[in-house]
Amino acid sequence: MINTLLLRTEFEEATKDFNMPEGSCIDTIEWFIENGHRSNSLRNGFNEAMEIAKAIKEYADGCAEEIRARESL
């Protein structure tokens, strides 16, 4: 979990000058993965930001699956 918080900070830093919603909430991460390439793909750090976003999303999806599994018990 601490690693994910650090990734969110890195994502915010990497995308601070990008054309996108601010922050690193999961909605912003999902938006960036789906739409971030449109006006940011030529910016320095775009590929790194995309990798970070995908790692955060993967972690969030894993947590959601765990919660759903516990709820179905």
Protein backbone atom coordinates (compact mmCIF):
# COMPACT_ATOMS: atom_id res chain seq x y z
CA MET A 1 0.00 0.00 0.00
CA ILE A 2 2.83 2.41 0.81
CA ASN A 3 4.31 1.67 -2.61
CA THR A 4 1.02 2.65 -4.24
CA LEU A 5 0.95 5.94 -2.34
CA LEU A 6 4.48 6.63 -3.54
CA LEU A 7 3.41 5.79 -7.11
CA ARG A 8 0.52 8.22 -6.83
CA THR A 9 2.92 10.97 -5.75
CA GLU A 10 5.21 10.13 -8.67
CA PHE A 11 2.23 10.18 -11.04
CA GLU A 12 1.13 13.59 -9.79
CA GLU A 13 4.65 14.95 -10.18
CA ALA A 14 5.09 13.46 -13.67
CA THR A 15 1.76 14.83 -14.91
CA LYS A 16 1.69 18.24 -13.20
CA ASP A 17 2.05 20.08 -16.53
CA PHE A 18 -0.09 17.68 -18.58
CA ASN A 19 -3.45 18.58 -20.07
CA MET A 20 -5.70 16.47 -17.83
CA PRO A 21 -7.73 16.51 -14.61
CA GLU A 22 -5.60 17.16 -11.53
CA GLY A 23 -4.77 14.56 -8.92
CA SER A 24 -4.30 10.84 -8.71
CA CYS A 25 -7.68 9.47 -7.66
CA ILE A 26 -8.69 6.28 -9.44
CA ASP A 27 -11.06 8.21 -11.74
CA THR A 28 -8.17 10.41 -12.89
CA ILE A 29 -5.92 7.37 -13.34
CA GLU A 30 -8.57 5.64 -15.47
CA TRP A 31 -9.12 8.84 -17.48
CA PHE A 32 -5.38 9.13 -18.12
CA ILE A 33 -5.07 5.52 -19.29
CA GLU A 34 -8.02 5.93 -21.67
CA ASN A 35 -7.55 9.53 -22.84
CA GLY A 36 -4.16 10.81 -21.74
CA HIS A 37 -2.48 10.08 -25.06
CA ARG A 38 -4.69 12.57 -26.92
CA SER A 39 -2.90 15.73 -25.85
CA ASN A 40 0.02 14.45 -23.81
CA SER A 41 1.72 11.66 -25.76
CA LEU A 42 4.50 13.93 -27.02
CA ARG A 43 5.26 15.42 -23.60
CA ASN A 44 8.39 14.43 -21.72
CA GLY A 45 7.59 11.74 -19.18
CA PHE A 46 4.38 10.54 -20.83
CA ASN A 47 5.49 6.90 -21.11
CA GLU A 48 6.67 6.84 -17.50
CA ALA A 49 3.40 8.39 -16.33
CA MET A 50 1.44 5.79 -18.30
CA GLU A 51 3.41 2.93 -16.71
CA ILE A 52 2.80 4.39 -13.25
CA ALA A 53 -0.92 4.82 -13.99
CA LYS A 54 -1.21 1.21 -15.13
CA ALA A 55 0.56 -0.03 -11.99
CA ILE A 56 -1.79 1.97 -9.76
CA LYS A 57 -4.84 0.71 -11.69
CA GLU A 58 -3.63 -2.89 -11.43
CA TYR A 59 -3.30 -2.52 -7.66
CA ALA A 60 -6.75 -0.91 -7.36
CA ASP A 61 -8.34 -3.65 -9.46
CA GLY A 62 -6.72 -6.30 -7.26
CA CYS A 63 -8.09 -4.66 -4.13
CA ALA A 64 -11.56 -4.45 -5.64
CA GLU A 65 -11.47 -8.16 -6.50
CA GLU A 66 -10.47 -9.04 -2.94
CA ILE A 67 -13.36 -7.01 -1.55
CA ARG A 68 -15.86 -8.64 -3.92
CA ALA A 69 -14.54 -12.09 -2.98
CA ARG A 70 -14.99 -11.39 0.74
CA GLU A 71 -18.48 -9.97 0.21
CA SER A 72 -19.61 -13.09 -1.64
CA LEU A 73 -18.71 -15.35 1.31
